[in-house]
Amino acid sequence: MSTGFIRVSSIDRLDELFAESHTRPVALFKHSNSCGISFDIYEQLTAVKGEINVVVVQQDREISNAIADRLGVRHASPQAFVLWEGAPVYHATHYGIEPNAIEDKLNSK
């Protein structure tokens, strides 16, 4: 299985992902299309075997803000989460994002 990047472009879809996290781990990646670090991390995430849900912060600011509000975590980009039961079991920003750790969390439940 290779990486499947899926764009999150509605609050309804974000709601669905939070609900899905009660049955399986869900990865979220907040990506900035104007940041070199974010592009570098995005490229590194192509090595992850699993689904990564991407929020492009410039185009979907409302969704990005909703993630920060729901999780009680200050916004950053790039920023990665793995959710389990609606809460982050993994969170990192910038070069602290580790594709192997994300893959491990996605496959741990």
PDB file of N, CA and C in Angstrom:
ATOM      1  N   MET A   1       0.843  -1.178   0.000  1.00  0.00           N
ATOM      2  CA  MET A   1       0.000   0.000   0.000  1.00  0.00           C
ATOM      3  C   MET A   1       0.887   1.239   0.000  1.00  0.00           C
ATOM      4  N   SER A   2       0.575   2.196  -0.831  1.00  0.00           N
ATOM      5  CA  SER A   2       1.334   3.441  -0.864  1.00  0.00           C
ATOM      6  C   SER A   2       0.514   4.553  -0.219  1.00  0.00           C
ATOM      7  N   THR A   3       1.120   5.731  -0.145  1.00  0.00           N
ATOM      8  CA  THR A   3       0.444   6.867   0.460  1.00  0.00           C
ATOM      9  C   THR A   3      -0.734   7.287  -0.389  1.00  0.00           C
ATOM     10  N   GLY A   4      -1.840   7.554   0.273  1.00  0.00           N
ATOM     11  CA  GLY A   4      -2.998   8.132  -0.381  1.00  0.00           C
ATOM     12  C   GLY A   4      -3.250   9.491   0.224  1.00  0.00           C
ATOM     13  N   PHE A   5      -2.953  10.538  -0.521  1.00  0.00           N
ATOM     14  CA  PHE A   5      -3.244  11.894  -0.068  1.00  0.00           C
ATOM     15  C   PHE A   5      -4.675  12.229  -0.466  1.00  0.00           C
ATOM     16  N   ILE A   6      -5.462  12.650   0.507  1.00  0.00           N
ATOM     17  CA  ILE A   6      -6.855  12.988   0.263  1.00  0.00           C
ATOM     18  C   ILE A   6      -7.099  14.390   0.793  1.00  0.00           C
ATOM     19  N   ARG A   7      -7.571  15.264  -0.058  1.00  0.00           N
ATOM     20  CA  ARG A   7      -7.810  16.664   0.317  1.00  0.00           C
ATOM     21  C   ARG A   7      -9.062  16.768   1.174  1.00  0.00           C
ATOM     22  N   VAL A   8      -8.950  17.475   2.264  1.00  0.00           N
ATOM     23  CA  VAL A   8     -10.091  17.776   3.134  1.00  0.00           C
ATOM     24  C   VAL A   8     -10.517  19.197   2.805  1.00  0.00           C
ATOM     25  N   SER A   9     -11.703  19.349   2.244  1.00  0.00           N
ATOM     26  CA  SER A   9     -12.114  20.685   1.799  1.00  0.00           C
ATOM     27  C   SER A   9     -13.475  21.101   2.335  1.00  0.00           C
ATOM     28  N   SER A  10     -13.934  20.431   3.403  1.00  0.00           N
ATOM     29  CA  SER A  10     -15.193  20.865   4.027  1.00  0.00           C
ATOM     30  C   SER A  10     -15.191  20.487   5.506  1.00  0.00           C
ATOM     31  N   ILE A  11     -15.923  21.254   6.282  1.00  0.00           N
ATOM     32  CA  ILE A  11     -16.084  20.947   7.703  1.00  0.00           C
ATOM     33  C   ILE A  11     -16.812  19.617   7.853  1.00  0.00           C
ATOM     34  N   ASP A  12     -17.762  19.333   6.953  1.00  0.00           N
ATOM     35  CA  ASP A  12     -18.472  18.055   7.008  1.00  0.00           C
ATOM     36  C   ASP A  12     -17.492  16.890   6.898  1.00  0.00           C
ATOM     37  N   ARG A  13     -16.529  17.007   5.987  1.00  0.00           N
ATOM     38  CA  ARG A  13     -15.541  15.929   5.840  1.00  0.00           C
ATOM     39  C   ARG A  13     -14.670  15.830   7.085  1.00  0.00           C
ATOM     40  N   LEU A  14     -14.315  16.956   7.667  1.00  0.00           N
ATOM     41  CA  LEU A  14     -13.539  16.935   8.907  1.00  0.00           C
ATOM     42  C   LEU A  14     -14.334  16.230  10.005  1.00  0.00           C
ATOM     43  N   ASP A  15     -15.630  16.520  10.104  1.00  0.00           N
ATOM     44  CA  ASP A  15     -16.495  15.841  11.072  1.00  0.00           C
ATOM     45  C   ASP A  15     -16.459  14.329  10.854  1.00  0.00           C
ATOM     46  N   GLU A  16     -16.537  13.912   9.590  1.00  0.00           N
ATOM     47  CA  GLU A  16     -16.496  12.484   9.259  1.00  0.00           C
ATOM     48  C   GLU A  16     -15.176  11.856   9.712  1.00  0.00           C
ATOM     49  N   LEU A  17     -14.067  12.576   9.495  1.00  0.00           N
ATOM     50  CA  LEU A  17     -12.762  12.039   9.886  1.00  0.00           C
ATOM     51  C   LEU A  17     -12.654  11.889  11.398  1.00  0.00           C
ATOM     52  N   PHE A  18     -13.168  12.855  12.148  1.00  0.00           N
ATOM     53  CA  PHE A  18     -13.154  12.729  13.607  1.00  0.00           C
ATOM     54  C   PHE A  18     -13.997  11.527  14.032  1.00  0.00           C
ATOM     55  N   ALA A  19     -15.132  11.319  13.378  1.00  0.00           N
ATOM     56  CA  ALA A  19     -15.973  10.159  13.682  1.00  0.00           C
ATOM     57  C   ALA A  19     -15.254   8.859  13.317  1.00  0.00           C
ATOM     58  N   GLU A  20     -14.607   8.832  12.147  1.00  0.00           N
ATOM     59  CA  GLU A  20     -13.871   7.636  11.709  1.00  0.00           C
ATOM     60  C   GLU A  20     -12.739   7.290  12.670  1.00  0.00           C
ATOM     61  N   SER A  21     -12.194   8.313  13.343  1.00  0.00           N
ATOM     62  CA  SER A  21     -11.073   8.062  14.251  1.00  0.00           C
ATOM     63  C   SER A  21     -11.476   7.211  15.453  1.00  0.00           C
ATOM     64  N   HIS A  22     -12.773   6.968  15.626  1.00  0.00           N
ATOM     65  CA  HIS A  22     -13.235   6.095  16.707  1.00  0.00           C
ATOM     66  C   HIS A  22     -13.185   4.625  16.304  1.00  0.00           C
ATOM     67  N   THR A  23     -12.936   4.374  15.009  1.00  0.00           N
ATOM     68  CA  THR A  23     -12.827   2.990  14.547  1.00  0.00           C
ATOM     69  C   THR A  23     -11.468   2.676  13.930  1.00  0.00           C
ATOM     70  N   ARG A  24     -10.721   3.714  13.573  1.00  0.00           N
ATOM     71  CA  ARG A  24      -9.391   3.526  12.991  1.00  0.00           C
ATOM     72  C   ARG A  24      -8.596   4.816  13.178  1.00  0.00           C
ATOM     73  N   PRO A  25      -7.263   4.736  13.234  1.00  0.00           N
ATOM     74  CA  PRO A  25      -6.451   5.951  13.311  1.00  0.00           C
ATOM     75  C   PRO A  25      -6.583   6.768  12.018  1.00  0.00           C
ATOM     76  N   VAL A  26      -6.603   8.083  12.159  1.00  0.00           N
ATOM     77  CA  VAL A  26      -6.763   8.998  11.032  1.00  0.00           C
ATOM     78  C   VAL A  26      -5.623  10.011  11.052  1.00  0.00           C
ATOM     79  N   ALA A  27      -4.932  10.153   9.924  1.00  0.00           N
ATOM     80  CA  ALA A  27      -3.842  11.128   9.817  1.00  0.00           C
ATOM     81  C   ALA A  27      -4.344  12.412   9.161  1.00  0.00           C
ATOM     82  N   LEU A  28      -3.973  13.538   9.748  1.00  0.00           N
ATOM     83  CA  LEU A  28      -4.258  14.862   9.192  1.00  0.00           C
ATOM     84  C   LEU A  28      -2.936  15.591   8.995  1.00  0.00           C
ATOM     85  N   PHE A  29      -2.802  16.272   7.863  1.00  0.00           N
ATOM     86  CA  PHE A  29      -1.603  17.058   7.588  1.00  0.00           C
ATOM     87  C   PHE A  29      -2.035  18.437   7.131  1.00  0.00           C
ATOM     88  N   LYS A  30      -1.646  19.457   7.909  1.00  0.00           N
ATOM     89  CA  LYS A  30      -1.922  20.841   7.534  1.00  0.00           C
ATOM     90  C   LYS A  30      -0.733  21.337   6.714  1.00  0.00           C
ATOM     91  N   HIS A  31      -1.011  21.624   5.450  1.00  0.00           N
ATOM     92  CA  HIS A  31       0.025  21.946   4.466  1.00  0.00           C
ATOM     93  C   HIS A  31      -0.107  23.391   4.005  1.00  0.00           C
ATOM     94  N   SER A  32       1.009  24.075   3.935  1.00  0.00           N
ATOM     95  CA  SER A  32       1.049  25.422   3.382  1.00  0.00           C
ATOM     96  C   SER A  32       1.656  25.361   1.989  1.00  0.00           C
ATOM     97  N   ASN A  33       0.903  25.846   1.004  1.00  0.00           N
ATOM     98  CA  ASN A  33       1.424  25.807  -0.364  1.00  0.00           C
ATOM     99  C   ASN A  33       2.377  26.957  -0.670  1.00  0.00           C
ATOM    100  N   SER A  34       2.769  27.711   0.368  1.00  0.00           N
ATOM    101  CA  SER A  34       3.748  28.778   0.165  1.00  0.00           C
ATOM    102  C   SER A  34       4.971  28.604   1.065  1.00  0.00           C
ATOM    103  N   CYS A  35       5.143  27.404   1.607  1.00  0.00           N
ATOM    104  CA  CYS A  35       6.228  27.159   2.559  1.00  0.00           C
ATOM    105  C   CYS A  35       7.118  26.020   2.073  1.00  0.00           C
ATOM    106  N   GLY A  36       8.386  26.304   1.957  1.00  0.00           N
ATOM    107  CA  GLY A  36       9.339  25.292   1.517  1.00  0.00           C
ATOM    108  C   GLY A  36       9.437  24.111   2.470  1.00  0.00           C
ATOM    109  N   ILE A  37       9.370  24.387   3.778  1.00  0.00           N
ATOM    110  CA  ILE A  37       9.414  23.293   4.750  1.00  0.00           C
ATOM    111  C   ILE A  37       8.217  22.375   4.545  1.00  0.00           C
ATOM    112  N   SER A  38       7.051  22.963   4.340  1.00  0.00           N
ATOM    113  CA  SER A  38       5.843  22.166   4.154  1.00  0.00           C
ATOM    114  C   SER A  38       5.951  21.284   2.913  1.00  0.00           C
ATOM    115  N   PHE A  39       6.489  21.825   1.828  1.00  0.00           N
ATOM    116  CA  PHE A  39       6.680  21.018   0.619  1.00  0.00           C
ATOM    117  C   PHE A  39       7.666  19.881   0.876  1.00  0.00           C
ATOM    118  N   ASP A  40       8.709  20.153   1.633  1.00  0.00           N
ATOM    119  CA  ASP A  40       9.691  19.115   1.951  1.00  0.00           C
ATOM    120  C   ASP A  40       9.042  17.995   2.771  1.00  0.00           C
ATOM    121  N   ILE A  41       8.272  18.367   3.791  1.00  0.00           N
ATOM    122  CA  ILE A  41       7.604  17.358   4.619  1.00  0.00           C
ATOM    123  C   ILE A  41       6.569  16.595   3.799  1.00  0.00           C
ATOM    124  N   TYR A  42       5.827  17.286   2.953  1.00  0.00           N
ATOM    125  CA  TYR A  42       4.844  16.621   2.081  1.00  0.00           C
ATOM    126  C   TYR A  42       5.544  15.536   1.261  1.00  0.00           C
ATOM    127  N   GLU A  43       6.689  15.878   0.702  1.00  0.00           N
ATOM    128  CA  GLU A  43       7.458  14.910  -0.094  1.00  0.00           C
ATOM    129  C   GLU A  43       7.889  13.719   0.772  1.00  0.00           C
ATOM    130  N   GLN A  44       8.334  13.994   1.998  1.00  0.00           N
ATOM    131  CA  GLN A  44       8.734  12.909   2.900  1.00  0.00           C
ATOM    132  C   GLN A  44       7.552  11.999   3.234  1.00  0.00           C
ATOM    133  N   LEU A  45       6.368  12.581   3.325  1.00  0.00           N
ATOM    134  CA  LEU A  45       5.179  11.801   3.671  1.00  0.00           C
ATOM    135  C   LEU A  45       4.752  10.844   2.561  1.00  0.00           C
ATOM    136  N   THR A  46       5.296  11.004   1.362  1.00  0.00           N
ATOM    137  CA  THR A  46       4.962  10.063   0.291  1.00  0.00           C
ATOM    138  C   THR A  46       5.456   8.659   0.613  1.00  0.00           C
ATOM    139  N   ALA A  47       6.362   8.535   1.580  1.00  0.00           N
ATOM    140  CA  ALA A  47       6.871   7.218   1.980  1.00  0.00           C
ATOM    141  C   ALA A  47       5.923   6.482   2.922  1.00  0.00           C
ATOM    142  N   VAL A  48       4.951   7.189   3.475  1.00  0.00           N
ATOM    143  CA  VAL A  48       4.021   6.577   4.428  1.00  0.00           C
ATOM    144  C   VAL A  48       3.069   5.643   3.696  1.00  0.00           C
ATOM    145  N   LYS A  49       2.928   4.449   4.223  1.00  0.00           N
ATOM    146  CA  LYS A  49       1.949   3.502   3.685  1.00  0.00           C
ATOM    147  C   LYS A  49       0.652   3.725   4.439  1.00  0.00           C
ATOM    148  N   GLY A  50      -0.269   4.410   3.803  1.00  0.00           N
ATOM    149  CA  GLY A  50      -1.546   4.716   4.442  1.00  0.00           C
ATOM    150  C   GLY A  50      -2.136   5.994   3.891  1.00  0.00           C
ATOM    151  N   GLU A  51      -3.270   6.355   4.457  1.00  0.00           N
ATOM    152  CA  GLU A  51      -4.039   7.515   4.003  1.00  0.00           C
ATOM    153  C   GLU A  51      -3.681   8.745   4.831  1.00  0.00           C
ATOM    154  N   ILE A  52      -3.374   9.838   4.141  1.00  0.00           N
ATOM    155  CA  ILE A  52      -3.100  11.102   4.821  1.00  0.00           C
ATOM    156  C   ILE A  52      -4.083  12.136   4.279  1.00  0.00           C
ATOM    157  N   ASN A  53      -4.844  12.708   5.185  1.00  0.00           N
ATOM    158  CA  ASN A  53      -5.842  13.722   4.841  1.00  0.00           C
ATOM    159  C   ASN A  53      -5.186  15.091   4.936  1.00  0.00           C
ATOM    160  N   VAL A  54      -5.227  15.832   3.838  1.00  0.00           N
ATOM    161  CA  VAL A  54      -4.482  17.077   3.717  1.00  0.00           C
ATOM    162  C   VAL A  54      -5.418  18.281   3.746  1.00  0.00           C
ATOM    163  N   VAL A  55      -5.079  19.248   4.588  1.00  0.00           N
ATOM    164  CA  VAL A  55      -5.765  20.532   4.632  1.00  0.00           C
ATOM    165  C   VAL A  55      -4.775  21.574   4.127  1.00  0.00           C
ATOM    166  N   VAL A  56      -5.095  22.232   3.021  1.00  0.00           N
ATOM    167  CA  VAL A  56      -4.252  23.306   2.490  1.00  0.00           C
ATOM    168  C   VAL A  56      -4.682  24.587   3.203  1.00  0.00           C
ATOM    169  N   VAL A  57      -3.821  25.104   4.060  1.00  0.00           N
ATOM    170  CA  VAL A  57      -4.224  26.170   4.972  1.00  0.00           C
ATOM    171  C   VAL A  57      -4.637  27.455   4.263  1.00  0.00           C
ATOM    172  N   GLN A  58      -4.032  27.773   3.135  1.00  0.00           N
ATOM    173  CA  GLN A  58      -4.414  28.996   2.429  1.00  0.00           C
ATOM    174  C   GLN A  58      -5.814  28.897   1.829  1.00  0.00           C
ATOM    175  N   GLN A  59      -6.212  27.723   1.427  1.00  0.00           N
ATOM    176  CA  GLN A  59      -7.510  27.549   0.765  1.00  0.00           C
ATOM    177  C   GLN A  59      -8.605  27.141   1.729  1.00  0.00           C
ATOM    178  N   ASP A  60      -8.241  26.537   2.835  1.00  0.00           N
ATOM    179  CA  ASP A  60      -9.229  26.010   3.776  1.00  0.00           C
ATOM    180  C   ASP A  60      -8.916  26.443   5.202  1.00  0.00           C
ATOM    181  N   ARG A  61      -8.802  27.748   5.393  1.00  0.00           N
ATOM    182  CA  ARG A  61      -8.455  28.316   6.703  1.00  0.00           C
ATOM    183  C   ARG A  61      -9.483  27.926   7.766  1.00  0.00           C
ATOM    184  N   GLU A  62     -10.764  27.891   7.386  1.00  0.00           N
ATOM    185  CA  GLU A  62     -11.808  27.525   8.351  1.00  0.00           C
ATOM    186  C   GLU A  62     -11.575  26.108   8.900  1.00  0.00           C
ATOM    187  N   ILE A  63     -11.195  25.194   8.027  1.00  0.00           N
ATOM    188  CA  ILE A  63     -10.935  23.818   8.453  1.00  0.00           C
ATOM    189  C   ILE A  63      -9.688  23.760   9.324  1.00  0.00           C
ATOM    190  N   SER A  64      -8.654  24.466   8.916  1.00  0.00           N
ATOM    191  CA  SER A  64      -7.424  24.523   9.701  1.00  0.00           C
ATOM    192  C   SER A  64      -7.701  25.058  11.103  1.00  0.00           C
ATOM    193  N   ASN A  65      -8.477  26.132  11.186  1.00  0.00           N
ATOM    194  CA  ASN A  65      -8.821  26.704  12.490  1.00  0.00           C
ATOM    195  C   ASN A  65      -9.675  25.748  13.318  1.00  0.00           C
ATOM    196  N   ALA A  66     -10.576  25.013  12.658  1.00  0.00           N
ATOM    197  CA  ALA A  66     -11.430  24.050  13.362  1.00  0.00           C
ATOM    198  C   ALA A  66     -10.587  22.943  13.991  1.00  0.00           C
ATOM    199  N   ILE A  67      -9.551  22.502  13.285  1.00  0.00           N
ATOM    200  CA  ILE A  67      -8.660  21.474  13.833  1.00  0.00           C
ATOM    201  C   ILE A  67      -7.980  22.006  15.095  1.00  0.00           C
ATOM    202  N   ALA A  68      -7.447  23.215  15.019  1.00  0.00           N
ATOM    203  CA  ALA A  68      -6.784  23.817  16.180  1.00  0.00           C
ATOM    204  C   ALA A  68      -7.755  23.938  17.353  1.00  0.00           C
ATOM    205  N   ASP A  69      -8.974  24.396  17.079  1.00  0.00           N
ATOM    206  CA  ASP A  69      -9.968  24.570  18.142  1.00  0.00           C
ATOM    207  C   ASP A  69     -10.369  23.233  18.754  1.00  0.00           C
ATOM    208  N   ARG A  70     -10.668  22.240  17.921  1.00  0.00           N
ATOM    209  CA  ARG A  70     -11.148  20.943  18.425  1.00  0.00           C
ATOM    210  C   ARG A  70     -10.089  20.206  19.234  1.00  0.00           C
ATOM    211  N   LEU A  71      -8.833  20.351  18.811  1.00  0.00           N
ATOM    212  CA  LEU A  71      -7.764  19.613  19.482  1.00  0.00           C
ATOM    213  C   LEU A  71      -7.078  20.425  20.575  1.00  0.00           C
ATOM    214  N   GLY A  72      -7.383  21.724  20.638  1.00  0.00           N
ATOM    215  CA  GLY A  72      -6.745  22.569  21.641  1.00  0.00           C
ATOM    216  C   GLY A  72      -5.260  22.719  21.418  1.00  0.00           C
ATOM    217  N   VAL A  73      -4.862  22.712  20.130  1.00  0.00           N
ATOM    218  CA  VAL A  73      -3.454  22.797  19.758  1.00  0.00           C
ATOM    219  C   VAL A  73      -3.265  24.026  18.880  1.00  0.00           C
ATOM    220  N   ARG A  74      -2.277  24.818  19.203  1.00  0.00           N
ATOM    221  CA  ARG A  74      -2.002  26.024  18.422  1.00  0.00           C
ATOM    222  C   ARG A  74      -1.691  25.671  16.971  1.00  0.00           C
ATOM    223  N   HIS A  75      -2.224  26.474  16.045  1.00  0.00           N
ATOM    224  CA  HIS A  75      -2.001  26.252  14.611  1.00  0.00           C
ATOM    225  C   HIS A  75      -0.533  26.392  14.245  1.00  0.00           C
ATOM    226  N   ALA A  76      -0.097  25.532  13.349  1.00  0.00           N
ATOM    227  CA  ALA A  76       1.208  25.636  12.707  1.00  0.00           C
ATOM    228  C   ALA A  76       1.067  24.998  11.334  1.00  0.00           C
ATOM    229  N   SER A  77       1.978  25.322  10.457  1.00  0.00           N
ATOM    230  CA  SER A  77       2.037  24.595   9.185  1.00  0.00           C
ATOM    231  C   SER A  77       3.496  24.599   8.732  1.00  0.00           C
ATOM    232  N   PRO A  78       3.974  23.431   8.380  1.00  0.00           N
ATOM    233  CA  PRO A  78       3.244  22.176   8.353  1.00  0.00           C
ATOM    234  C   PRO A  78       2.996  21.652   9.767  1.00  0.00           C
ATOM    235  N   GLN A  79       1.921  20.869   9.864  1.00  0.00           N
ATOM    236  CA  GLN A  79       1.540  20.288  11.142  1.00  0.00           C
ATOM    237  C   GLN A  79       0.871  18.945  10.857  1.00  0.00           C
ATOM    238  N   ALA A  80       1.219  17.932  11.637  1.00  0.00           N
ATOM    239  CA  ALA A  80       0.675  16.601  11.411  1.00  0.00           C
ATOM    240  C   ALA A  80       0.074  16.044  12.693  1.00  0.00           C
ATOM    241  N   PHE A  81      -1.019  15.324  12.520  1.00  0.00           N
ATOM    242  CA  PHE A  81      -1.705  14.655  13.622  1.00  0.00           C
ATOM    243  C   PHE A  81      -2.066  13.247  13.197  1.00  0.00           C
ATOM    244  N   VAL A  82      -2.100  12.341  14.145  1.00  0.00           N
ATOM    245  CA  VAL A  82      -2.818  11.081  13.980  1.00  0.00           C
ATOM    246  C   VAL A  82      -3.839  11.068  15.102  1.00  0.00           C
ATOM    247  N   LEU A  83      -5.099  10.919  14.716  1.00  0.00           N
ATOM    248  CA  LEU A  83      -6.198  10.911  15.676  1.00  0.00           C
ATOM    249  C   LEU A  83      -6.634   9.492  15.979  1.00  0.00           C
ATOM    250  N   TRP A  84      -6.934   9.252  17.233  1.00  0.00           N
ATOM    251  CA  TRP A  84      -7.553   7.996  17.665  1.00  0.00           C
ATOM    252  C   TRP A  84      -8.615   8.383  18.686  1.00  0.00           C
ATOM    253  N   GLU A  85      -9.831   7.948  18.427  1.00  0.00           N
ATOM    254  CA  GLU A  85     -10.963   8.271  19.291  1.00  0.00           C
ATOM    255  C   GLU A  85     -11.116   9.769  19.488  1.00  0.00           C
ATOM    256  N   GLY A  86     -10.900  10.518  18.399  1.00  0.00           N
ATOM    257  CA  GLY A  86     -11.119  11.962  18.402  1.00  0.00           C
ATOM    258  C   GLY A  86     -10.023  12.799  19.025  1.00  0.00           C
ATOM    259  N   ALA A  87      -8.947  12.167  19.457  1.00  0.00           N
ATOM    260  CA  ALA A  87      -7.855  12.893  20.117  1.00  0.00           C
ATOM    261  C   ALA A  87      -6.525  12.557  19.446  1.00  0.00           C
ATOM    262  N   PRO A  88      -5.572  13.484  19.514  1.00  0.00           N
ATOM    263  CA  PRO A  88      -4.276  13.198  18.892  1.00  0.00           C
ATOM    264  C   PRO A  88      -3.458  12.196  19.697  1.00  0.00           C
ATOM    265  N   VAL A  89      -3.009  11.154  19.010  1.00  0.00           N
ATOM    266  CA  VAL A  89      -2.039  10.227  19.597  1.00  0.00           C
ATOM    267  C   VAL A  89      -0.655  10.512  19.022  1.00  0.00           C
ATOM    268  N   TYR A  90      -0.629  11.415  18.044  1.00  0.00           N
ATOM    269  CA  TYR A  90       0.626  11.889  17.464  1.00  0.00           C
ATOM    270  C   TYR A  90       0.384  13.329  17.041  1.00  0.00           C
ATOM    271  N   HIS A  91       1.357  14.194  17.324  1.00  0.00           N
ATOM    272  CA  HIS A  91       1.307  15.586  16.880  1.00  0.00           C
ATOM    273  C   HIS A  91       2.732  16.089  16.741  1.00  0.00           C
ATOM    274  N   ALA A  92       3.004  16.734  15.616  1.00  0.00           N
ATOM    275  CA  ALA A  92       4.318  17.347  15.412  1.00  0.00           C
ATOM    276  C   ALA A  92       4.184  18.460  14.382  1.00  0.00           C
ATOM    277  N   THR A  93       5.154  19.349  14.381  1.00  0.00           N
ATOM    278  CA  THR A  93       5.179  20.439  13.410  1.00  0.00           C
ATOM    279  C   THR A  93       6.554  20.519  12.753  1.00  0.00           C
ATOM    280  N   HIS A  94       6.570  21.153  11.603  1.00  0.00           N
ATOM    281  CA  HIS A  94       7.785  21.449  10.865  1.00  0.00           C
ATOM    282  C   HIS A  94       8.684  20.214  10.737  1.00  0.00           C
ATOM    283  N   TYR A  95       9.974  20.363  11.011  1.00  0.00           N
ATOM    284  CA  TYR A  95      10.886  19.238  10.838  1.00  0.00           C
ATOM    285  C   TYR A  95      10.815  18.219  11.972  1.00  0.00           C
ATOM    286  N   GLY A  96       9.929  18.435  12.919  1.00  0.00           N
ATOM    287  CA  GLY A  96       9.674  17.431  13.939  1.00  0.00           C
ATOM    288  C   GLY A  96       8.741  16.333  13.436  1.00  0.00           C
ATOM    289  N   ILE A  97       8.127  16.533  12.276  1.00  0.00           N
ATOM    290  CA  ILE A  97       7.218  15.540  11.703  1.00  0.00           C
ATOM    291  C   ILE A  97       8.030  14.353  11.206  1.00  0.00           C
ATOM    292  N   GLU A  98       7.677  13.171  11.699  1.00  0.00           N
ATOM    293  CA  GLU A  98       8.400  11.946  11.361  1.00  0.00           C
ATOM    294  C   GLU A  98       7.479  10.977  10.633  1.00  0.00           C
ATOM    295  N   PRO A  99       7.659  10.811   9.316  1.00  0.00           N
ATOM    296  CA  PRO A  99       6.801   9.899   8.552  1.00  0.00           C
ATOM    297  C   PRO A  99       6.714   8.498   9.136  1.00  0.00           C
ATOM    298  N   ASN A 100       7.824   7.950   9.639  1.00  0.00           N
ATOM    299  CA  ASN A 100       7.796   6.599  10.221  1.00  0.00           C
ATOM    300  C   ASN A 100       6.900   6.533  11.450  1.00  0.00           C
ATOM    301  N   ALA A 101       6.925   7.573  12.274  1.00  0.00           N
ATOM    302  CA  ALA A 101       6.082   7.604  13.469  1.00  0.00           C
ATOM    303  C   ALA A 101       4.606   7.682  13.081  1.00  0.00           C
ATOM    304  N   ILE A 102       4.302   8.448  12.041  1.00  0.00           N
ATOM    305  CA  ILE A 102       2.919   8.541  11.560  1.00  0.00           C
ATOM    306  C   ILE A 102       2.452   7.176  11.070  1.00  0.00           C
ATOM    307  N   GLU A 103       3.281   6.533  10.275  1.00  0.00           N
ATOM    308  CA  GLU A 103       2.913   5.209   9.751  1.00  0.00           C
ATOM    309  C   GLU A 103       2.712   4.215  10.895  1.00  0.00           C
ATOM    310  N   ASP A 104       3.586   4.251  11.882  1.00  0.00           N
ATOM    311  CA  ASP A 104       3.441   3.356  13.033  1.00  0.00           C
ATOM    312  C   ASP A 104       2.104   3.589  13.749  1.00  0.00           C
ATOM    313  N   LYS A 105       1.738   4.843  13.957  1.00  0.00           N
ATOM    314  CA  LYS A 105       0.464   5.164  14.627  1.00  0.00           C
ATOM    315  C   LYS A 105      -0.728   4.749  13.773  1.00  0.00           C
ATOM    316  N   LEU A 106      -0.619   4.923  12.449  1.00  0.00           N
ATOM    317  CA  LEU A 106      -1.727   4.527  11.572  1.00  0.00           C
ATOM    318  C   LEU A 106      -1.964   3.021  11.617  1.00  0.00           C
ATOM    319  N   ASN A 107      -0.917   2.262  11.865  1.00  0.00           N
ATOM    320  CA  ASN A 107      -1.030   0.804  11.836  1.00  0.00           C
ATOM    321  C   ASN A 107      -1.048   0.168  13.215  1.00  0.00           C
ATOM    322  N   SER A 108      -1.184   0.982  14.267  1.00  0.00           N
ATOM    323  CA  SER A 108      -1.068   0.435  15.618  1.00  0.00           C
ATOM    324  C   SER A 108      -2.390  -0.011  16.226  1.00  0.00           C
ATOM    325  N   LYS A 109      -3.498   0.312  15.658  1.00  0.00           N
ATOM    326  CA  LYS A 109      -4.798  -0.045  16.265  1.00  0.00           C
ATOM    327  C   LYS A 109      -5.459  -1.168  15.508  1.00  0.00           C
TER     328      LYS A 109
END
